[in-house]
Amino acid sequence: MKGFLKFILDIVMGAVIPILILSNLSRPLGAPTAYVIAALVPVSYVLVDTLLITRRFNFITSYTAATAILNGALAFWFVDGARFAIKDTIGPLFNLVLFGGSILVGRPILRYFLAQALSPDTKERRETVNIVLTEKTVFRGLIIGTIVITIDSVFICIVNFLLVINNVTAAFGTELFNQQIAQVSTFTRVAFPLASLLTYSIGVGIVLRAIYGVLPQKEGLSKVESPFMVLIDLYRERLQAVPSSGEEPSITP
């Protein structure tokens, strides 16, 4: 439930409040001021959550904060027309370059997300998780999962650019410009996170299936029923047993 509530809060701060500002405050505050405030609300929310509330500094939070800072800087690039469509697509384009580039260099970035998300709580478990992520079948899963997320970024880039360039046609600094952004955002700020949630779930699911495929099974329990870190400990014990005995332990994969 906590994750679901966080997702709803992300939608409210990233979409609902900015859209309300653009739709209702452009006249009293002035269109440029309302535009900047609306753009900075989700940026401020992410940075406050990262720096003051969550206060966890790792790969995931660094990626989130970097994306927020990028969007915050772009808020002060006052353009319209095709340049605004490009500007509004830089966020997903950043994801495309990051995920797609990681595949090209043979280091799928999903590996670093999972290394944090799996939350190993000791040095030994962190080292073991890193070893598991280098297993041949797991690495293949990381490649496929990262490709799935990259395709999602390609789709979002194309759709977002086409929606913006065809629907945000007014000049920057006008109420109509802000209203057009609000209308487009009503769709993109909700539909795109939902689409990404689905594709990220598929991508991560592919990797998790590969991970469970190489982990040992605790006697009397299926792998899904066993605590994940217990399986990690069993995997480490199996690795430690192989050099001394010269044969695989009795734990079945």
C-alpha atoms as a PDB file:
ATOM      1  CA  MET A   1       0.000   0.000   0.000  1.00  0.00           C
ATOM      2  CA  LYS A   2       2.882   2.337   0.807  1.00  0.00           C
ATOM      3  CA  GLY A   3       4.167   2.062  -2.764  1.00  0.00           C
ATOM      4  CA  PHE A   4       0.678   2.705  -4.159  1.00  0.00           C
ATOM      5  CA  LEU A   5       0.214   5.800  -1.973  1.00  0.00           C
ATOM      6  CA  LYS A   6       3.629   7.055  -3.089  1.00  0.00           C
ATOM      7  CA  PHE A   7       2.581   6.607  -6.729  1.00  0.00           C
ATOM      8  CA  ILE A   8      -0.632   8.567  -6.113  1.00  0.00           C
ATOM      9  CA  LEU A   9       1.341  11.327  -4.383  1.00  0.00           C
ATOM     10  CA  ASP A  10       3.714  11.445  -7.357  1.00  0.00           C
ATOM     11  CA  ILE A  11       0.745  11.935  -9.688  1.00  0.00           C
ATOM     12  CA  VAL A  12      -0.737  14.670  -7.492  1.00  0.00           C
ATOM     13  CA  MET A  13       2.522  16.606  -7.158  1.00  0.00           C
ATOM     14  CA  GLY A  14       3.749  15.910 -10.670  1.00  0.00           C
ATOM     15  CA  ALA A  15       0.495  16.407 -12.566  1.00  0.00           C
ATOM     16  CA  VAL A  16      -2.581  17.538 -10.648  1.00  0.00           C
ATOM     17  CA  ILE A  17      -1.134  20.567  -8.854  1.00  0.00           C
ATOM     18  CA  PRO A  18       0.866  21.869 -11.864  1.00  0.00           C
ATOM     19  CA  ILE A  19      -2.205  21.541 -14.093  1.00  0.00           C
ATOM     20  CA  LEU A  20      -4.351  23.425 -11.559  1.00  0.00           C
ATOM     21  CA  ILE A  21      -1.751  26.202 -11.392  1.00  0.00           C
ATOM     22  CA  LEU A  22      -1.583  26.531 -15.177  1.00  0.00           C
ATOM     23  CA  SER A  23      -5.360  26.467 -15.519  1.00  0.00           C
ATOM     24  CA  ASN A  24      -6.311  28.811 -12.681  1.00  0.00           C
ATOM     25  CA  LEU A  25      -3.400  31.056 -11.767  1.00  0.00           C
ATOM     26  CA  SER A  26      -2.120  32.223 -15.150  1.00  0.00           C
ATOM     27  CA  ARG A  27      -4.259  35.368 -15.055  1.00  0.00           C
ATOM     28  CA  PRO A  28      -3.747  36.492 -11.418  1.00  0.00           C
ATOM     29  CA  LEU A  29      -0.013  35.649 -11.312  1.00  0.00           C
ATOM     30  CA  GLY A  30       0.822  36.291 -14.932  1.00  0.00           C
ATOM     31  CA  ALA A  31       1.331  33.506 -17.455  1.00  0.00           C
ATOM     32  CA  PRO A  32       5.170  33.323 -17.250  1.00  0.00           C
ATOM     33  CA  THR A  33       5.158  33.247 -13.434  1.00  0.00           C
ATOM     34  CA  ALA A  34       2.438  30.602 -13.303  1.00  0.00           C
ATOM     35  CA  TYR A  35       4.354  28.530 -15.862  1.00  0.00           C
ATOM     36  CA  VAL A  36       7.580  28.596 -13.812  1.00  0.00           C
ATOM     37  CA  ILE A  37       5.785  27.798 -10.541  1.00  0.00           C
ATOM     38  CA  ALA A  38       3.927  24.886 -12.150  1.00  0.00           C
ATOM     39  CA  ALA A  39       7.178  23.542 -13.574  1.00  0.00           C
ATOM     40  CA  LEU A  40       9.031  23.826 -10.253  1.00  0.00           C
ATOM     41  CA  VAL A  41       6.376  22.146  -8.068  1.00  0.00           C
ATOM     42  CA  PRO A  42       7.273  18.560  -9.114  1.00  0.00           C
ATOM     43  CA  VAL A  43      10.989  19.427  -9.070  1.00  0.00           C
ATOM     44  CA  SER A  44      10.745  20.769  -5.512  1.00  0.00           C
ATOM     45  CA  TYR A  45       8.708  17.743  -4.428  1.00  0.00           C
ATOM     46  CA  VAL A  46      11.362  15.301  -5.702  1.00  0.00           C
ATOM     47  CA  LEU A  47      14.269  17.219  -4.164  1.00  0.00           C
ATOM     48  CA  VAL A  48      12.530  17.659  -0.790  1.00  0.00           C
ATOM     49  CA  ASP A  49      11.632  13.967  -0.731  1.00  0.00           C
ATOM     50  CA  THR A  50      15.190  12.951  -1.627  1.00  0.00           C
ATOM     51  CA  LEU A  51      17.161  15.385   0.527  1.00  0.00           C
ATOM     52  CA  LEU A  52      14.932  15.935   3.558  1.00  0.00           C
ATOM     53  CA  ILE A  53      12.436  13.069   3.875  1.00  0.00           C
ATOM     54  CA  THR A  54      13.907   9.883   2.396  1.00  0.00           C
ATOM     55  CA  ARG A  55      17.515  11.011   2.911  1.00  0.00           C
ATOM     56  CA  ARG A  56      18.872   7.959   1.144  1.00  0.00           C
ATOM     57  CA  PHE A  57      21.685   8.690  -1.247  1.00  0.00           C
ATOM     58  CA  ASN A  58      22.250   5.865  -3.682  1.00  0.00           C
ATOM     59  CA  PHE A  59      22.032   5.182  -7.393  1.00  0.00           C
ATOM     60  CA  ILE A  60      18.231   5.397  -7.541  1.00  0.00           C
ATOM     61  CA  THR A  61      17.911   8.627  -5.559  1.00  0.00           C
ATOM     62  CA  SER A  62      20.819  10.183  -7.490  1.00  0.00           C
ATOM     63  CA  TYR A  63      19.102   9.340 -10.770  1.00  0.00           C
ATOM     64  CA  THR A  64      15.800  10.784  -9.512  1.00  0.00           C
ATOM     65  CA  ALA A  65      17.451  13.955  -8.224  1.00  0.00           C
ATOM     66  CA  ALA A  66      19.422  14.433 -11.460  1.00  0.00           C
ATOM     67  CA  THR A  67      16.221  14.150 -13.493  1.00  0.00           C
ATOM     68  CA  ALA A  68      14.500  16.687 -11.242  1.00  0.00           C
ATOM     69  CA  ILE A  69      17.396  19.147 -11.502  1.00  0.00           C
ATOM     70  CA  LEU A  70      17.374  18.795 -15.295  1.00  0.00           C
ATOM     71  CA  ASN A  71      13.645  19.561 -15.411  1.00  0.00           C
ATOM     72  CA  GLY A  72      14.127  22.480 -13.026  1.00  0.00           C
ATOM     73  CA  ALA A  73      16.807  24.020 -15.221  1.00  0.00           C
ATOM     74  CA  LEU A  74      14.659  23.570 -18.329  1.00  0.00           C
ATOM     75  CA  ALA A  75      11.818  25.500 -16.656  1.00  0.00           C
ATOM     76  CA  PHE A  76      13.775  28.699 -17.284  1.00  0.00           C
ATOM     77  CA  TRP A  77      14.267  28.025 -20.989  1.00  0.00           C
ATOM     78  CA  PHE A  78      11.409  30.158 -22.296  1.00  0.00           C
ATOM     79  CA  VAL A  79      10.564  28.873 -25.765  1.00  0.00           C
ATOM     80  CA  ASP A  80       7.507  27.877 -27.777  1.00  0.00           C
ATOM     81  CA  GLY A  81       6.645  25.990 -30.946  1.00  0.00           C
ATOM     82  CA  ALA A  82       9.015  23.203 -32.031  1.00  0.00           C
ATOM     83  CA  ARG A  83      11.661  24.252 -29.521  1.00  0.00           C
ATOM     84  CA  PHE A  84       9.180  23.823 -26.682  1.00  0.00           C
ATOM     85  CA  ALA A  85       8.228  20.377 -28.027  1.00  0.00           C
ATOM     86  CA  ILE A  86      11.918  19.439 -27.977  1.00  0.00           C
ATOM     87  CA  LYS A  87      12.360  20.917 -24.501  1.00  0.00           C
ATOM     88  CA  ASP A  88       9.337  19.057 -23.145  1.00  0.00           C
ATOM     89  CA  THR A  89      10.740  15.789 -24.531  1.00  0.00           C
ATOM     90  CA  ILE A  90      14.242  16.148 -23.088  1.00  0.00           C
ATOM     91  CA  GLY A  91      13.235  14.311 -19.887  1.00  0.00           C
ATOM     92  CA  PRO A  92      12.222  11.053 -21.603  1.00  0.00           C
ATOM     93  CA  LEU A  93      15.066  11.572 -24.087  1.00  0.00           C
ATOM     94  CA  PHE A  94      17.460  11.601 -21.125  1.00  0.00           C
ATOM     95  CA  ASN A  95      16.040   8.216 -20.078  1.00  0.00           C
ATOM     96  CA  LEU A  96      16.382   6.917 -23.632  1.00  0.00           C
ATOM     97  CA  VAL A  97      20.048   7.900 -23.831  1.00  0.00           C
ATOM     98  CA  LEU A  98      20.753   6.528 -20.338  1.00  0.00           C
ATOM     99  CA  PHE A  99      19.058   3.151 -20.779  1.00  0.00           C
ATOM    100  CA  GLY A 100      19.816   2.697 -24.471  1.00  0.00           C
ATOM    101  CA  GLY A 101      23.422   3.794 -24.043  1.00  0.00           C
ATOM    102  CA  SER A 102      23.936   1.344 -21.196  1.00  0.00           C
ATOM    103  CA  ILE A 103      22.939  -1.502 -23.528  1.00  0.00           C
ATOM    104  CA  LEU A 104      25.363  -0.327 -26.215  1.00  0.00           C
ATOM    105  CA  VAL A 105      28.288  -0.327 -23.779  1.00  0.00           C
ATOM    106  CA  GLY A 106      27.295  -3.731 -22.394  1.00  0.00           C
ATOM    107  CA  ARG A 107      26.433  -2.481 -18.886  1.00  0.00           C
ATOM    108  CA  PRO A 108      22.618  -2.540 -18.628  1.00  0.00           C
ATOM    109  CA  ILE A 109      21.653   0.187 -16.198  1.00  0.00           C
ATOM    110  CA  LEU A 110      18.815  -1.873 -14.770  1.00  0.00           C
ATOM    111  CA  ARG A 111      21.539  -3.806 -12.920  1.00  0.00           C
ATOM    112  CA  TYR A 112      22.355  -0.774 -10.768  1.00  0.00           C
ATOM    113  CA  PHE A 113      18.701  -0.078 -10.026  1.00  0.00           C
ATOM    114  CA  LEU A 114      18.172  -3.655  -8.868  1.00  0.00           C
ATOM    115  CA  ALA A 115      21.386  -3.737  -6.835  1.00  0.00           C
ATOM    116  CA  GLN A 116      19.833  -0.937  -4.758  1.00  0.00           C
ATOM    117  CA  ALA A 117      16.190  -2.003  -4.913  1.00  0.00           C
ATOM    118  CA  LEU A 118      16.889  -5.524  -3.617  1.00  0.00           C
ATOM    119  CA  SER A 119      18.169  -3.849  -0.419  1.00  0.00           C
ATOM    120  CA  PRO A 120      20.932  -6.197   0.743  1.00  0.00           C
ATOM    121  CA  ASP A 121      21.540  -5.215   4.360  1.00  0.00           C
ATOM    122  CA  THR A 122      25.075  -6.509   4.929  1.00  0.00           C
ATOM    123  CA  LYS A 123      28.353  -6.308   3.064  1.00  0.00           C
ATOM    124  CA  GLU A 124      28.291 -10.064   2.393  1.00  0.00           C
ATOM    125  CA  ARG A 125      24.795  -9.916   0.957  1.00  0.00           C
ATOM    126  CA  ARG A 126      25.668  -6.913  -1.234  1.00  0.00           C
ATOM    127  CA  GLU A 127      28.641  -8.803  -2.616  1.00  0.00           C
ATOM    128  CA  THR A 128      26.511 -11.902  -3.212  1.00  0.00           C
ATOM    129  CA  VAL A 129      23.770  -9.917  -4.974  1.00  0.00           C
ATOM    130  CA  ASN A 130      26.433  -8.450  -7.265  1.00  0.00           C
ATOM    131  CA  ILE A 131      27.676 -11.952  -8.066  1.00  0.00           C
ATOM    132  CA  VAL A 132      24.128 -13.139  -8.805  1.00  0.00           C
ATOM    133  CA  LEU A 133      23.658 -10.211 -11.182  1.00  0.00           C
ATOM    134  CA  THR A 134      26.671 -11.383 -13.198  1.00  0.00           C
ATOM    135  CA  GLU A 135      25.236 -14.862 -13.785  1.00  0.00           C
ATOM    136  CA  LYS A 136      24.859 -15.497 -17.502  1.00  0.00           C
ATOM    137  CA  THR A 137      21.085 -15.956 -17.509  1.00  0.00           C
ATOM    138  CA  VAL A 138      20.582 -13.023 -15.137  1.00  0.00           C
ATOM    139  CA  PHE A 139      22.761 -10.751 -17.264  1.00  0.00           C
ATOM    140  CA  ARG A 140      20.706 -11.759 -20.307  1.00  0.00           C
ATOM    141  CA  GLY A 141      17.569 -10.859 -18.347  1.00  0.00           C
ATOM    142  CA  LEU A 142      19.095  -7.480 -17.463  1.00  0.00           C
ATOM    143  CA  ILE A 143      19.718  -6.785 -21.150  1.00  0.00           C
ATOM    144  CA  ILE A 144      16.165  -7.770 -22.142  1.00  0.00           C
ATOM    145  CA  GLY A 145      14.619  -5.839 -19.232  1.00  0.00           C
ATOM    146  CA  THR A 146      16.618  -2.715 -20.074  1.00  0.00           C
ATOM    147  CA  ILE A 147      15.573  -3.025 -23.724  1.00  0.00           C
ATOM    148  CA  VAL A 148      11.905  -3.161 -22.650  1.00  0.00           C
ATOM    149  CA  ILE A 149      12.324   0.064 -20.663  1.00  0.00           C
ATOM    150  CA  THR A 150      14.254   1.673 -23.524  1.00  0.00           C
ATOM    151  CA  ILE A 151      11.390   0.908 -25.907  1.00  0.00           C
ATOM    152  CA  ASP A 152       9.059   2.602 -23.427  1.00  0.00           C
ATOM    153  CA  SER A 153      11.287   5.709 -23.533  1.00  0.00           C
ATOM    154  CA  VAL A 154      11.266   5.695 -27.351  1.00  0.00           C
ATOM    155  CA  PHE A 155       7.470   5.502 -27.371  1.00  0.00           C
ATOM    156  CA  ILE A 156       7.115   8.328 -24.838  1.00  0.00           C
ATOM    157  CA  CYS A 157       9.577  10.554 -26.729  1.00  0.00           C
ATOM    158  CA  ILE A 158       7.703  10.158 -30.011  1.00  0.00           C
ATOM    159  CA  VAL A 159       4.186  10.492 -28.597  1.00  0.00           C
ATOM    160  CA  ASN A 160       5.079  13.413 -26.333  1.00  0.00           C
ATOM    161  CA  PHE A 161       6.785  15.360 -29.118  1.00  0.00           C
ATOM    162  CA  LEU A 162       3.872  14.857 -31.514  1.00  0.00           C
ATOM    163  CA  LEU A 163       1.262  15.789 -28.896  1.00  0.00           C
ATOM    164  CA  VAL A 164       3.088  18.948 -27.860  1.00  0.00           C
ATOM    165  CA  ILE A 165       4.004  20.228 -31.306  1.00  0.00           C
ATOM    166  CA  ASN A 166       0.432  19.741 -32.533  1.00  0.00           C
ATOM    167  CA  ASN A 167      -1.418  21.050 -29.491  1.00  0.00           C
ATOM    168  CA  VAL A 168       0.802  23.689 -27.847  1.00  0.00           C
ATOM    169  CA  THR A 169       0.773  26.276 -30.626  1.00  0.00           C
ATOM    170  CA  ALA A 170       0.325  29.580 -28.767  1.00  0.00           C
ATOM    171  CA  ALA A 171       3.183  31.955 -27.975  1.00  0.00           C
ATOM    172  CA  PHE A 172       5.061  31.582 -24.710  1.00  0.00           C
ATOM    173  CA  GLY A 173       3.942  33.921 -21.952  1.00  0.00           C
ATOM    174  CA  THR A 174       0.270  33.915 -22.867  1.00  0.00           C
ATOM    175  CA  GLU A 175      -2.642  32.406 -20.953  1.00  0.00           C
ATOM    176  CA  LEU A 176      -3.503  30.294 -23.990  1.00  0.00           C
ATOM    177  CA  PHE A 177       0.000  28.785 -23.980  1.00  0.00           C
ATOM    178  CA  ASN A 178      -0.414  27.715 -20.348  1.00  0.00           C
ATOM    179  CA  GLN A 179      -3.904  26.368 -21.010  1.00  0.00           C
ATOM    180  CA  GLN A 180      -2.641  24.297 -23.919  1.00  0.00           C
ATOM    181  CA  ILE A 181       0.160  22.873 -21.774  1.00  0.00           C
ATOM    182  CA  ALA A 182      -2.388  22.015 -19.079  1.00  0.00           C
ATOM    183  CA  GLN A 183      -4.576  20.222 -21.627  1.00  0.00           C
ATOM    184  CA  VAL A 184      -1.694  18.138 -22.970  1.00  0.00           C
ATOM    185  CA  SER A 185      -0.369  17.471 -19.459  1.00  0.00           C
ATOM    186  CA  THR A 186      -3.761  16.139 -18.359  1.00  0.00           C
ATOM    187  CA  PHE A 187      -3.018  13.183 -20.617  1.00  0.00           C
ATOM    188  CA  THR A 188       0.781  12.893 -20.592  1.00  0.00           C
ATOM    189  CA  ARG A 189       1.393  13.390 -16.856  1.00  0.00           C
ATOM    190  CA  VAL A 190      -0.951  10.514 -16.046  1.00  0.00           C
ATOM    191  CA  ALA A 191      -0.770   8.180 -19.051  1.00  0.00           C
ATOM    192  CA  PHE A 192       3.021   8.162 -19.331  1.00  0.00           C
ATOM    193  CA  PRO A 193       3.699   7.258 -15.658  1.00  0.00           C
ATOM    194  CA  LEU A 194       1.117   4.474 -15.902  1.00  0.00           C
ATOM    195  CA  ALA A 195       2.695   3.155 -19.115  1.00  0.00           C
ATOM    196  CA  SER A 196       6.158   3.357 -17.548  1.00  0.00           C
ATOM    197  CA  LEU A 197       4.929   1.585 -14.422  1.00  0.00           C
ATOM    198  CA  LEU A 198       3.770  -1.283 -16.619  1.00  0.00           C
ATOM    199  CA  THR A 199       6.954  -1.503 -18.700  1.00  0.00           C
ATOM    200  CA  TYR A 200       9.244  -1.148 -15.677  1.00  0.00           C
ATOM    201  CA  SER A 201       7.277  -3.936 -13.983  1.00  0.00           C
ATOM    202  CA  ILE A 202       7.729  -6.136 -17.045  1.00  0.00           C
ATOM    203  CA  GLY A 203      11.433  -5.322 -17.310  1.00  0.00           C
ATOM    204  CA  VAL A 204      12.114  -5.929 -13.623  1.00  0.00           C
ATOM    205  CA  GLY A 205       9.914  -9.039 -13.677  1.00  0.00           C
ATOM    206  CA  ILE A 206      12.064 -10.548 -16.438  1.00  0.00           C
ATOM    207  CA  VAL A 207      15.188 -10.006 -14.349  1.00  0.00           C
ATOM    208  CA  LEU A 208      13.645 -11.309 -11.130  1.00  0.00           C
ATOM    209  CA  ARG A 209      12.545 -14.476 -12.895  1.00  0.00           C
ATOM    210  CA  ALA A 210      16.121 -14.996 -14.067  1.00  0.00           C
ATOM    211  CA  ILE A 211      17.460 -14.305 -10.569  1.00  0.00           C
ATOM    212  CA  TYR A 212      15.133 -16.818  -8.940  1.00  0.00           C
ATOM    213  CA  GLY A 213      16.177 -19.288 -11.615  1.00  0.00           C
ATOM    214  CA  VAL A 214      19.785 -19.334 -10.373  1.00  0.00           C
ATOM    215  CA  LEU A 215      19.107 -19.146  -6.624  1.00  0.00           C
ATOM    216  CA  PRO A 216      19.027 -22.326  -4.514  1.00  0.00           C
ATOM    217  CA  GLN A 217      15.795 -23.578  -3.023  1.00  0.00           C
ATOM    218  CA  LYS A 218      15.296 -23.827   0.724  1.00  0.00           C
ATOM    219  CA  GLU A 219      14.133 -27.289   1.708  1.00  0.00           C
ATOM    220  CA  GLY A 220      10.386 -27.483   2.260  1.00  0.00           C
ATOM    221  CA  LEU A 221       9.622 -24.120   0.689  1.00  0.00           C
ATOM    222  CA  SER A 222       9.258 -22.853  -2.837  1.00  0.00           C
ATOM    223  CA  LYS A 223      11.588 -20.043  -3.867  1.00  0.00           C
ATOM    224  CA  VAL A 224       8.750 -17.523  -3.900  1.00  0.00           C
ATOM    225  CA  GLU A 225       7.733 -18.495  -0.349  1.00  0.00           C
ATOM    226  CA  SER A 226      11.261 -18.065   1.005  1.00  0.00           C
ATOM    227  CA  PRO A 227      12.574 -14.650   2.097  1.00  0.00           C
ATOM    228  CA  PHE A 228      14.737 -13.360  -0.734  1.00  0.00           C
ATOM    229  CA  MET A 229      17.777 -12.695   1.449  1.00  0.00           C
ATOM    230  CA  VAL A 230      17.588 -16.238   2.819  1.00  0.00           C
ATOM    231  CA  LEU A 231      18.022 -17.501  -0.737  1.00  0.00           C
ATOM    232  CA  ILE A 232      20.911 -15.070  -1.194  1.00  0.00           C
ATOM    233  CA  ASP A 233      22.556 -16.536   1.918  1.00  0.00           C
ATOM    234  CA  LEU A 234      22.049 -20.059   0.587  1.00  0.00           C
ATOM    235  CA  TYR A 235      23.591 -19.010  -2.724  1.00  0.00           C
ATOM    236  CA  ARG A 236      26.627 -17.604  -0.901  1.00  0.00           C
ATOM    237  CA  GLU A 237      26.974 -20.787   1.146  1.00  0.00           C
ATOM    238  CA  ARG A 238      26.876 -22.826  -2.034  1.00  0.00           C
ATOM    239  CA  LEU A 239      29.618 -20.686  -3.565  1.00  0.00           C
ATOM    240  CA  GLN A 240      31.751 -21.104  -0.460  1.00  0.00           C
ATOM    241  CA  ALA A 241      31.175 -24.871  -0.383  1.00  0.00           C
ATOM    242  CA  VAL A 242      32.229 -25.555  -3.969  1.00  0.00           C
ATOM    243  CA  PRO A 243      35.985 -24.855  -3.623  1.00  0.00           C
ATOM    244  CA  SER A 244      36.349 -26.904  -0.439  1.00  0.00           C
ATOM    245  CA  SER A 245      34.365 -29.989  -1.458  1.00  0.00           C
ATOM    246  CA  GLY A 246      34.859 -29.909  -5.186  1.00  0.00           C
ATOM    247  CA  GLU A 247      31.178 -30.689  -5.737  1.00  0.00           C
ATOM    248  CA  GLU A 248      27.832 -28.952  -5.565  1.00  0.00           C
ATOM    249  CA  PRO A 249      26.053 -28.980  -2.186  1.00  0.00           C
ATOM    250  CA  SER A 250      22.763 -30.775  -1.793  1.00  0.00           C
ATOM    251  CA  ILE A 251      20.671 -27.587  -2.040  1.00  0.00           C
ATOM    252  CA  THR A 252      18.713 -27.846  -5.278  1.00  0.00           C
ATOM    253  CA  PRO A 253      18.515 -24.864  -7.653  1.00  0.00           C
END
